[in-house]
Amino acid sequence: MKKMVFVVAPEVFRDEEYIEPKTILESAGIEVTTASTVVGEIYGKIKIKAQSQMLAKDIKVDDFDGIFFVGGNGASVYFEDEVVHDIARQFYDKGKIVSAICIAPVILANAGLLQNKKATVFPSGADILIQNGANYTGNSVEVDGNIVTGNGPEAAKEFAEILLNLL
């Protein structure tokens, strides 16, 4: 069974960017684990409550086939998180899926993973991607090697289907 870890802010994450990919992947038999800065209840921007099963800092790369950073304003807790950046780089170095949607591709850019890569992000993050060497496209979803980026909630379904195909 394939396994994905979703890295989610403890609050103000985008509900659609969490629930749509989770539902699509789990319906196809992919095991999804949710990680955050806390274990227990986490809160979406709109209305959902979800359960974090583990701390993001405790993610073991060998336990998963890919990592997904969920967007929303809360994702900023990971923008400068060196531990999470290192985990993302380990996934990349092992050829595993590294993905982020909405504003969360900023995490990948700050981790140094988007240099010379085609990528997209919510428009407010475009400058940060460009400053970090990404080839910003503005498309709804971009795939460059094992990196997948999406630009917002409207892209969540397409984004999840691409993740599923890559898995």
N, C-alpha and C. Protein backbone atom coordinates (compact mmCIF):
# COMPACT_ATOMS: atom_id res chain seq x y z
N MET A 1 0.84 -1.18 0.00
CA MET A 1 0.00 0.00 0.00
C MET A 1 0.89 1.26 0.00
N LYS A 2 0.57 2.20 -0.88
CA LYS A 2 1.28 3.47 -0.95
C LYS A 2 0.84 4.36 0.22
N LYS A 3 1.78 5.20 0.67
CA LYS A 3 1.49 6.06 1.81
C LYS A 3 1.96 7.48 1.54
N MET A 4 1.10 8.45 1.90
CA MET A 4 1.43 9.87 1.79
C MET A 4 1.31 10.51 3.17
N VAL A 5 2.17 11.47 3.43
CA VAL A 5 2.04 12.27 4.64
C VAL A 5 1.65 13.69 4.23
N PHE A 6 0.58 14.19 4.84
CA PHE A 6 0.10 15.55 4.62
C PHE A 6 0.62 16.40 5.77
N VAL A 7 1.34 17.46 5.46
CA VAL A 7 1.82 18.38 6.48
C VAL A 7 0.87 19.57 6.48
N VAL A 8 0.22 19.77 7.62
CA VAL A 8 -0.88 20.72 7.72
C VAL A 8 -0.62 21.67 8.89
N ALA A 9 -0.98 22.92 8.72
CA ALA A 9 -0.89 23.88 9.82
C ALA A 9 -1.89 23.49 10.90
N PRO A 10 -1.63 23.88 12.15
CA PRO A 10 -2.57 23.53 13.22
C PRO A 10 -3.90 24.28 13.12
N GLU A 11 -3.90 25.40 12.38
CA GLU A 11 -5.13 26.15 12.15
C GLU A 11 -4.99 27.00 10.89
N VAL A 12 -6.12 27.40 10.35
CA VAL A 12 -6.22 28.24 9.15
C VAL A 12 -5.58 27.59 7.92
N PHE A 13 -5.69 26.25 7.81
CA PHE A 13 -5.34 25.61 6.55
C PHE A 13 -6.58 25.62 5.67
N ARG A 14 -6.40 25.49 4.35
CA ARG A 14 -7.54 25.50 3.43
C ARG A 14 -8.23 24.15 3.45
N ASP A 15 -9.48 24.16 3.85
CA ASP A 15 -10.27 22.95 3.98
C ASP A 15 -10.25 22.11 2.70
N GLU A 16 -10.51 22.78 1.55
CA GLU A 16 -10.61 22.05 0.28
C GLU A 16 -9.29 21.40 -0.11
N GLU A 17 -8.19 22.08 0.20
CA GLU A 17 -6.87 21.59 -0.19
C GLU A 17 -6.44 20.41 0.67
N TYR A 18 -7.10 20.23 1.79
CA TYR A 18 -6.85 19.06 2.65
C TYR A 18 -7.82 17.94 2.30
N ILE A 19 -9.12 18.24 2.32
CA ILE A 19 -10.13 17.19 2.23
C ILE A 19 -10.24 16.58 0.83
N GLU A 20 -10.14 17.39 -0.24
CA GLU A 20 -10.28 16.83 -1.59
C GLU A 20 -9.14 15.86 -1.91
N PRO A 21 -7.88 16.25 -1.74
CA PRO A 21 -6.80 15.28 -2.00
C PRO A 21 -6.87 14.05 -1.09
N LYS A 22 -7.21 14.27 0.18
CA LYS A 22 -7.29 13.15 1.12
C LYS A 22 -8.35 12.15 0.66
N THR A 23 -9.52 12.66 0.29
CA THR A 23 -10.62 11.80 -0.15
C THR A 23 -10.25 11.05 -1.43
N ILE A 24 -9.68 11.74 -2.40
CA ILE A 24 -9.31 11.11 -3.68
C ILE A 24 -8.25 10.04 -3.46
N LEU A 25 -7.22 10.35 -2.69
CA LEU A 25 -6.16 9.37 -2.46
C LEU A 25 -6.66 8.17 -1.67
N GLU A 26 -7.39 8.42 -0.58
CA GLU A 26 -7.88 7.30 0.23
C GLU A 26 -8.86 6.43 -0.54
N SER A 27 -9.68 7.03 -1.40
CA SER A 27 -10.63 6.25 -2.21
C SER A 27 -9.90 5.30 -3.14
N ALA A 28 -8.65 5.64 -3.49
CA ALA A 28 -7.84 4.80 -4.38
C ALA A 28 -6.93 3.85 -3.59
N GLY A 29 -7.11 3.81 -2.27
CA GLY A 29 -6.35 2.88 -1.46
C GLY A 29 -5.02 3.39 -0.94
N ILE A 30 -4.79 4.70 -1.07
CA ILE A 30 -3.56 5.30 -0.54
C ILE A 30 -3.78 5.61 0.94
N GLU A 31 -2.82 5.24 1.78
CA GLU A 31 -2.92 5.57 3.19
C GLU A 31 -2.39 6.99 3.41
N VAL A 32 -3.21 7.84 4.05
CA VAL A 32 -2.83 9.23 4.31
C VAL A 32 -2.65 9.43 5.80
N THR A 33 -1.49 9.95 6.19
CA THR A 33 -1.21 10.33 7.57
C THR A 33 -1.13 11.84 7.62
N THR A 34 -1.74 12.44 8.63
CA THR A 34 -1.71 13.88 8.79
C THR A 34 -0.71 14.25 9.88
N ALA A 35 0.19 15.18 9.55
CA ALA A 35 1.19 15.66 10.49
C ALA A 35 1.04 17.17 10.65
N SER A 36 1.37 17.68 11.83
CA SER A 36 1.27 19.11 12.07
C SER A 36 2.27 19.49 13.17
N THR A 37 2.14 20.71 13.65
CA THR A 37 2.99 21.15 14.76
C THR A 37 2.42 20.65 16.09
N VAL A 38 1.23 20.05 16.04
CA VAL A 38 0.57 19.48 17.22
C VAL A 38 0.02 18.11 16.85
N VAL A 39 -0.22 17.28 17.85
CA VAL A 39 -0.94 16.03 17.66
C VAL A 39 -2.34 16.26 18.22
N GLY A 40 -3.34 15.82 17.48
CA GLY A 40 -4.73 16.03 17.91
C GLY A 40 -5.47 16.90 16.93
N GLU A 41 -6.46 17.64 17.43
CA GLU A 41 -7.35 18.39 16.57
C GLU A 41 -6.65 19.60 15.94
N ILE A 42 -6.88 19.76 14.63
CA ILE A 42 -6.41 20.92 13.88
C ILE A 42 -7.62 21.52 13.16
N TYR A 43 -7.52 22.80 12.80
CA TYR A 43 -8.71 23.52 12.36
C TYR A 43 -8.52 24.19 11.00
N GLY A 44 -9.41 23.89 10.08
CA GLY A 44 -9.40 24.51 8.78
C GLY A 44 -9.90 25.95 8.84
N LYS A 45 -9.64 26.67 7.78
CA LYS A 45 -10.03 28.08 7.70
C LYS A 45 -11.55 28.25 7.69
N ILE A 46 -12.24 27.33 7.03
CA ILE A 46 -13.68 27.50 6.85
C ILE A 46 -14.47 26.80 7.96
N LYS A 47 -14.34 25.47 8.04
CA LYS A 47 -15.16 24.78 9.05
C LYS A 47 -14.64 23.44 9.51
N ILE A 48 -13.74 22.79 8.77
CA ILE A 48 -13.44 21.43 9.16
C ILE A 48 -12.46 21.36 10.33
N LYS A 49 -12.62 20.26 11.06
CA LYS A 49 -11.65 19.88 12.07
C LYS A 49 -11.06 18.57 11.57
N ALA A 50 -9.78 18.42 11.73
CA ALA A 50 -9.12 17.18 11.32
C ALA A 50 -8.25 16.71 12.48
N GLN A 51 -7.72 15.52 12.34
CA GLN A 51 -6.86 14.96 13.38
C GLN A 51 -5.44 14.81 12.85
N SER A 52 -4.51 15.39 13.58
CA SER A 52 -3.09 15.20 13.28
C SER A 52 -2.62 13.98 14.08
N GLN A 53 -2.03 13.01 13.36
CA GLN A 53 -1.57 11.80 14.03
C GLN A 53 -0.13 11.90 14.52
N MET A 54 0.61 12.87 13.99
CA MET A 54 2.03 12.96 14.37
C MET A 54 2.54 14.38 14.22
N LEU A 55 3.68 14.63 14.85
CA LEU A 55 4.34 15.92 14.69
C LEU A 55 5.12 15.93 13.38
N ALA A 56 5.07 17.04 12.68
CA ALA A 56 5.78 17.14 11.39
C ALA A 56 7.27 16.86 11.57
N LYS A 57 7.85 17.30 12.68
CA LYS A 57 9.28 17.12 12.90
C LYS A 57 9.67 15.64 13.07
N ASP A 58 8.68 14.79 13.31
CA ASP A 58 8.95 13.36 13.52
C ASP A 58 8.73 12.50 12.26
N ILE A 59 8.45 13.13 11.13
CA ILE A 59 8.22 12.39 9.89
C ILE A 59 9.50 11.63 9.51
N LYS A 60 9.33 10.34 9.24
CA LYS A 60 10.43 9.49 8.77
C LYS A 60 10.22 9.25 7.28
N VAL A 61 11.14 9.73 6.49
CA VAL A 61 11.01 9.70 5.04
C VAL A 61 10.78 8.28 4.52
N ASP A 62 11.45 7.32 5.10
CA ASP A 62 11.33 5.94 4.61
C ASP A 62 9.96 5.32 4.85
N ASP A 63 9.13 5.97 5.67
CA ASP A 63 7.79 5.45 5.97
C ASP A 63 6.74 5.86 4.94
N PHE A 64 7.11 6.77 4.01
CA PHE A 64 6.12 7.33 3.09
C PHE A 64 6.65 7.37 1.65
N ASP A 65 5.71 7.40 0.71
CA ASP A 65 6.04 7.51 -0.71
C ASP A 65 6.05 8.96 -1.19
N GLY A 66 5.50 9.86 -0.38
CA GLY A 66 5.47 11.26 -0.75
C GLY A 66 5.02 12.13 0.40
N ILE A 67 5.28 13.43 0.23
CA ILE A 67 4.89 14.43 1.23
C ILE A 67 4.10 15.52 0.51
N PHE A 68 3.09 16.04 1.20
CA PHE A 68 2.20 17.06 0.65
C PHE A 68 2.00 18.16 1.68
N PHE A 69 2.36 19.39 1.32
CA PHE A 69 2.16 20.55 2.18
C PHE A 69 0.87 21.23 1.78
N VAL A 70 -0.10 21.24 2.69
CA VAL A 70 -1.41 21.84 2.46
C VAL A 70 -1.31 23.35 2.66
N GLY A 71 -2.01 24.10 1.81
CA GLY A 71 -1.94 25.56 1.85
C GLY A 71 -2.90 26.20 2.83
N GLY A 72 -3.09 27.48 2.64
CA GLY A 72 -3.85 28.31 3.55
C GLY A 72 -2.89 29.17 4.35
N ASN A 73 -3.42 30.24 4.94
CA ASN A 73 -2.57 31.18 5.68
C ASN A 73 -1.74 30.51 6.76
N GLY A 74 -2.27 29.47 7.37
CA GLY A 74 -1.54 28.79 8.44
C GLY A 74 -0.25 28.15 7.99
N ALA A 75 -0.12 27.85 6.69
CA ALA A 75 1.09 27.21 6.17
C ALA A 75 2.34 28.03 6.44
N SER A 76 2.17 29.31 6.74
CA SER A 76 3.33 30.17 7.02
C SER A 76 4.13 29.68 8.22
N VAL A 77 3.56 28.84 9.08
CA VAL A 77 4.33 28.31 10.22
C VAL A 77 5.52 27.48 9.75
N TYR A 78 5.48 27.02 8.49
CA TYR A 78 6.56 26.19 7.95
C TYR A 78 7.51 26.96 7.02
N PHE A 79 7.22 28.23 6.74
CA PHE A 79 8.04 28.98 5.77
C PHE A 79 9.52 29.00 6.15
N GLU A 80 9.82 29.13 7.42
CA GLU A 80 11.21 29.23 7.88
C GLU A 80 11.60 28.04 8.75
N ASP A 81 10.84 26.96 8.71
CA ASP A 81 11.07 25.79 9.57
C ASP A 81 12.15 24.88 8.97
N GLU A 82 13.38 25.02 9.44
CA GLU A 82 14.50 24.26 8.88
C GLU A 82 14.35 22.76 9.02
N VAL A 83 13.71 22.30 10.09
CA VAL A 83 13.51 20.85 10.27
C VAL A 83 12.61 20.31 9.16
N VAL A 84 11.51 21.02 8.90
CA VAL A 84 10.58 20.61 7.85
C VAL A 84 11.24 20.76 6.47
N HIS A 85 12.02 21.81 6.28
CA HIS A 85 12.74 21.97 5.01
C HIS A 85 13.67 20.79 4.77
N ASP A 86 14.37 20.36 5.81
CA ASP A 86 15.28 19.22 5.69
C ASP A 86 14.51 17.95 5.33
N ILE A 87 13.36 17.75 5.95
CA ILE A 87 12.53 16.57 5.64
C ILE A 87 12.11 16.62 4.17
N ALA A 88 11.69 17.78 3.69
CA ALA A 88 11.28 17.91 2.28
C ALA A 88 12.46 17.58 1.36
N ARG A 89 13.65 18.07 1.70
CA ARG A 89 14.83 17.79 0.88
C ARG A 89 15.16 16.28 0.88
N GLN A 90 14.95 15.62 2.01
CA GLN A 90 15.19 14.17 2.06
C GLN A 90 14.23 13.42 1.14
N PHE A 91 12.95 13.81 1.13
CA PHE A 91 11.99 13.20 0.21
C PHE A 91 12.46 13.39 -1.22
N TYR A 92 12.86 14.61 -1.55
CA TYR A 92 13.32 14.92 -2.90
C TYR A 92 14.55 14.08 -3.27
N ASP A 93 15.52 14.05 -2.37
CA ASP A 93 16.77 13.32 -2.64
C ASP A 93 16.55 11.83 -2.84
N LYS A 94 15.50 11.29 -2.24
CA LYS A 94 15.19 9.86 -2.39
C LYS A 94 14.26 9.60 -3.58
N GLY A 95 13.97 10.65 -4.36
CA GLY A 95 13.13 10.48 -5.54
C GLY A 95 11.66 10.31 -5.23
N LYS A 96 11.25 10.69 -4.04
CA LYS A 96 9.85 10.56 -3.65
C LYS A 96 9.09 11.84 -4.02
N ILE A 97 7.78 11.76 -4.02
CA ILE A 97 6.95 12.90 -4.37
C ILE A 97 7.05 13.99 -3.31
N VAL A 98 7.28 15.21 -3.77
CA VAL A 98 7.28 16.40 -2.91
C VAL A 98 6.26 17.35 -3.51
N SER A 99 5.22 17.69 -2.74
CA SER A 99 4.14 18.47 -3.31
C SER A 99 3.63 19.53 -2.34
N ALA A 100 3.09 20.59 -2.92
CA ALA A 100 2.55 21.70 -2.11
C ALA A 100 1.55 22.47 -2.95
N ILE A 101 0.54 23.02 -2.28
CA ILE A 101 -0.52 23.75 -2.97
C ILE A 101 -0.77 25.10 -2.30
N CYS A 102 -1.33 26.03 -3.07
CA CYS A 102 -1.71 27.36 -2.60
C CYS A 102 -0.46 28.15 -2.24
N ILE A 103 -0.32 28.61 -1.01
CA ILE A 103 0.86 29.37 -0.60
C ILE A 103 1.98 28.43 -0.15
N ALA A 104 1.68 27.16 0.07
CA ALA A 104 2.67 26.21 0.59
C ALA A 104 3.89 25.97 -0.31
N PRO A 105 3.83 26.18 -1.64
CA PRO A 105 5.07 26.05 -2.41
C PRO A 105 6.19 26.98 -1.94
N VAL A 106 5.84 28.03 -1.18
CA VAL A 106 6.86 28.89 -0.58
C VAL A 106 7.78 28.05 0.33
N ILE A 107 7.20 27.06 1.00
CA ILE A 107 7.99 26.17 1.86
C ILE A 107 9.05 25.47 1.02
N LEU A 108 8.65 24.95 -0.13
CA LEU A 108 9.58 24.25 -1.01
C LEU A 108 10.63 25.21 -1.56
N ALA A 109 10.20 26.42 -1.91
CA ALA A 109 11.15 27.42 -2.43
C ALA A 109 12.19 27.76 -1.36
N ASN A 110 11.73 27.98 -0.13
CA ASN A 110 12.64 28.33 0.95
C ASN A 110 13.55 27.16 1.34
N ALA A 111 13.14 25.96 1.01
CA ALA A 111 13.97 24.77 1.26
C ALA A 111 15.00 24.57 0.14
N GLY A 112 14.92 25.40 -0.90
CA GLY A 112 15.86 25.31 -2.01
C GLY A 112 15.50 24.28 -3.05
N LEU A 113 14.26 23.80 -3.02
CA LEU A 113 13.87 22.70 -3.92
C LEU A 113 13.31 23.16 -5.27
N LEU A 114 13.04 24.44 -5.43
CA LEU A 114 12.40 24.89 -6.67
C LEU A 114 13.36 25.60 -7.62
N GLN A 115 14.62 25.64 -7.29
CA GLN A 115 15.60 26.29 -8.16
C GLN A 115 15.61 25.60 -9.53
N ASN A 116 15.42 26.39 -10.57
CA ASN A 116 15.37 25.91 -11.96
C ASN A 116 14.26 24.88 -12.20
N LYS A 117 13.21 24.92 -11.40
CA LYS A 117 12.06 24.03 -11.58
C LYS A 117 10.85 24.85 -11.99
N LYS A 118 10.01 24.27 -12.87
CA LYS A 118 8.72 24.88 -13.17
C LYS A 118 7.86 24.72 -11.93
N ALA A 119 7.23 25.81 -11.49
CA ALA A 119 6.40 25.75 -10.29
C ALA A 119 5.33 26.81 -10.35
N THR A 120 4.29 26.59 -9.55
CA THR A 120 3.22 27.56 -9.41
C THR A 120 2.92 27.72 -7.93
N VAL A 121 2.16 28.77 -7.62
CA VAL A 121 1.85 29.11 -6.23
C VAL A 121 0.68 30.08 -6.27
N PHE A 122 0.02 30.26 -5.14
CA PHE A 122 -0.99 31.32 -5.02
C PHE A 122 -0.29 32.62 -5.39
N PRO A 123 -0.94 33.50 -6.16
CA PRO A 123 -0.24 34.68 -6.69
C PRO A 123 0.58 35.48 -5.69
N SER A 124 0.15 35.56 -4.44
CA SER A 124 0.90 36.35 -3.45
C SER A 124 2.27 35.76 -3.13
N GLY A 125 2.50 34.51 -3.51
CA GLY A 125 3.79 33.88 -3.25
C GLY A 125 4.73 33.86 -4.44
N ALA A 126 4.28 34.38 -5.57
CA ALA A 126 5.07 34.29 -6.81
C ALA A 126 6.46 34.92 -6.67
N ASP A 127 6.53 36.10 -6.04
CA ASP A 127 7.83 36.76 -5.90
C ASP A 127 8.83 35.92 -5.12
N ILE A 128 8.35 35.24 -4.08
CA ILE A 128 9.25 34.40 -3.27
C ILE A 128 9.78 33.23 -4.10
N LEU A 129 8.91 32.61 -4.90
CA LEU A 129 9.37 31.52 -5.75
C LEU A 129 10.43 32.02 -6.72
N ILE A 130 10.15 33.15 -7.35
CA ILE A 130 11.08 33.71 -8.34
C ILE A 130 12.41 34.07 -7.66
N GLN A 131 12.36 34.69 -6.49
CA GLN A 131 13.58 35.04 -5.76
C GLN A 131 14.41 33.80 -5.41
N ASN A 132 13.75 32.67 -5.25
CA ASN A 132 14.43 31.42 -4.91
C ASN A 132 14.76 30.59 -6.15
N GLY A 133 14.67 31.19 -7.33
CA GLY A 133 15.13 30.54 -8.55
C GLY A 133 14.14 29.67 -9.28
N ALA A 134 12.87 29.69 -8.87
CA ALA A 134 11.87 28.89 -9.57
C ALA A 134 11.50 29.53 -10.89
N ASN A 135 11.06 28.71 -11.83
CA ASN A 135 10.49 29.18 -13.09
C ASN A 135 8.98 29.24 -12.88
N TYR A 136 8.50 30.33 -12.30
CA TYR A 136 7.09 30.51 -11.97
C TYR A 136 6.25 30.57 -13.23
N THR A 137 5.19 29.74 -13.28
CA THR A 137 4.33 29.69 -14.48
C THR A 137 2.96 30.31 -14.28
N GLY A 138 2.44 30.29 -13.05
CA GLY A 138 1.09 30.78 -12.81
C GLY A 138 0.01 29.79 -13.20
N ASN A 139 0.38 28.62 -13.72
CA ASN A 139 -0.61 27.60 -14.07
C ASN A 139 -1.27 27.05 -12.81
N SER A 140 -2.39 26.37 -12.99
CA SER A 140 -3.10 25.83 -11.82
C SER A 140 -2.29 24.72 -11.14
N VAL A 141 -1.66 23.87 -11.95
CA VAL A 141 -0.82 22.80 -11.40
C VAL A 141 0.42 22.67 -12.28
N GLU A 142 1.55 22.42 -11.64
CA GLU A 142 2.81 22.17 -12.36
C GLU A 142 3.46 20.90 -11.83
N VAL A 143 4.03 20.12 -12.73
CA VAL A 143 4.82 18.94 -12.35
C VAL A 143 6.19 19.12 -12.97
N ASP A 144 7.22 19.02 -12.16
CA ASP A 144 8.60 19.06 -12.65
C ASP A 144 9.37 17.97 -11.93
N GLY A 145 9.58 16.87 -12.62
CA GLY A 145 10.22 15.71 -11.98
C GLY A 145 9.31 15.17 -10.90
N ASN A 146 9.82 15.05 -9.67
CA ASN A 146 9.01 14.53 -8.57
C ASN A 146 8.39 15.64 -7.72
N ILE A 147 8.41 16.88 -8.24
CA ILE A 147 7.81 18.01 -7.52
C ILE A 147 6.51 18.41 -8.18
N VAL A 148 5.45 18.53 -7.36
CA VAL A 148 4.13 18.94 -7.83
C VAL A 148 3.72 20.18 -7.04
N THR A 149 3.33 21.24 -7.75
CA THR A 149 2.84 22.44 -7.08
C THR A 149 1.48 22.83 -7.67
N GLY A 150 0.64 23.39 -6.82
CA GLY A 150 -0.67 23.87 -7.24
C GLY A 150 -0.88 25.27 -6.72
N ASN A 151 -1.80 26.03 -7.36
CA ASN A 151 -1.92 27.44 -7.02
C ASN A 151 -3.09 27.81 -6.13
N GLY A 152 -3.90 26.86 -5.70
CA GLY A 152 -4.99 27.24 -4.80
C GLY A 152 -6.10 26.22 -4.74
N PRO A 153 -7.15 26.54 -3.97
CA PRO A 153 -8.23 25.58 -3.73
C PRO A 153 -8.92 25.07 -5.00
N GLU A 154 -9.01 25.94 -6.02
CA GLU A 154 -9.69 25.52 -7.26
C GLU A 154 -8.90 24.40 -7.95
N ALA A 155 -7.61 24.30 -7.66
CA ALA A 155 -6.76 23.29 -8.29
C ALA A 155 -6.69 22.00 -7.50
N ALA A 156 -7.36 21.93 -6.34
CA ALA A 156 -7.20 20.79 -5.43
C ALA A 156 -7.53 19.44 -6.07
N LYS A 157 -8.61 19.38 -6.84
CA LYS A 157 -9.00 18.10 -7.44
C LYS A 157 -7.98 17.66 -8.50
N GLU A 158 -7.62 18.56 -9.41
CA GLU A 158 -6.63 18.24 -10.44
C GLU A 158 -5.30 17.85 -9.80
N PHE A 159 -4.91 18.60 -8.78
CA PHE A 159 -3.68 18.35 -8.05
C PHE A 159 -3.68 16.93 -7.47
N ALA A 160 -4.78 16.57 -6.81
CA ALA A 160 -4.90 15.24 -6.19
C ALA A 160 -4.85 14.13 -7.23
N GLU A 161 -5.48 14.35 -8.37
CA GLU A 161 -5.47 13.33 -9.42
C GLU A 161 -4.06 13.13 -9.97
N ILE A 162 -3.29 14.21 -10.08
CA ILE A 162 -1.90 14.10 -10.52
C ILE A 162 -1.07 13.34 -9.49
N LEU A 163 -1.27 13.65 -8.20
CA LEU A 163 -0.56 12.91 -7.15
C LEU A 163 -0.87 11.42 -7.25
N LEU A 164 -2.14 11.11 -7.42
CA LEU A 164 -2.57 9.71 -7.52
C LEU A 164 -1.88 9.03 -8.70
N ASN A 165 -1.83 9.67 -9.84
CA ASN A 165 -1.16 9.09 -11.01
C ASN A 165 0.32 8.88 -10.76
N LEU A 166 0.97 9.81 -10.06
CA LEU A 166 2.40 9.66 -9.77
C LEU A 166 2.67 8.53 -8.78
N LEU A 167 1.73 8.31 -7.87
CA LEU A 167 1.88 7.22 -6.90
C LEU A 167 1.70 5.87 -7.59
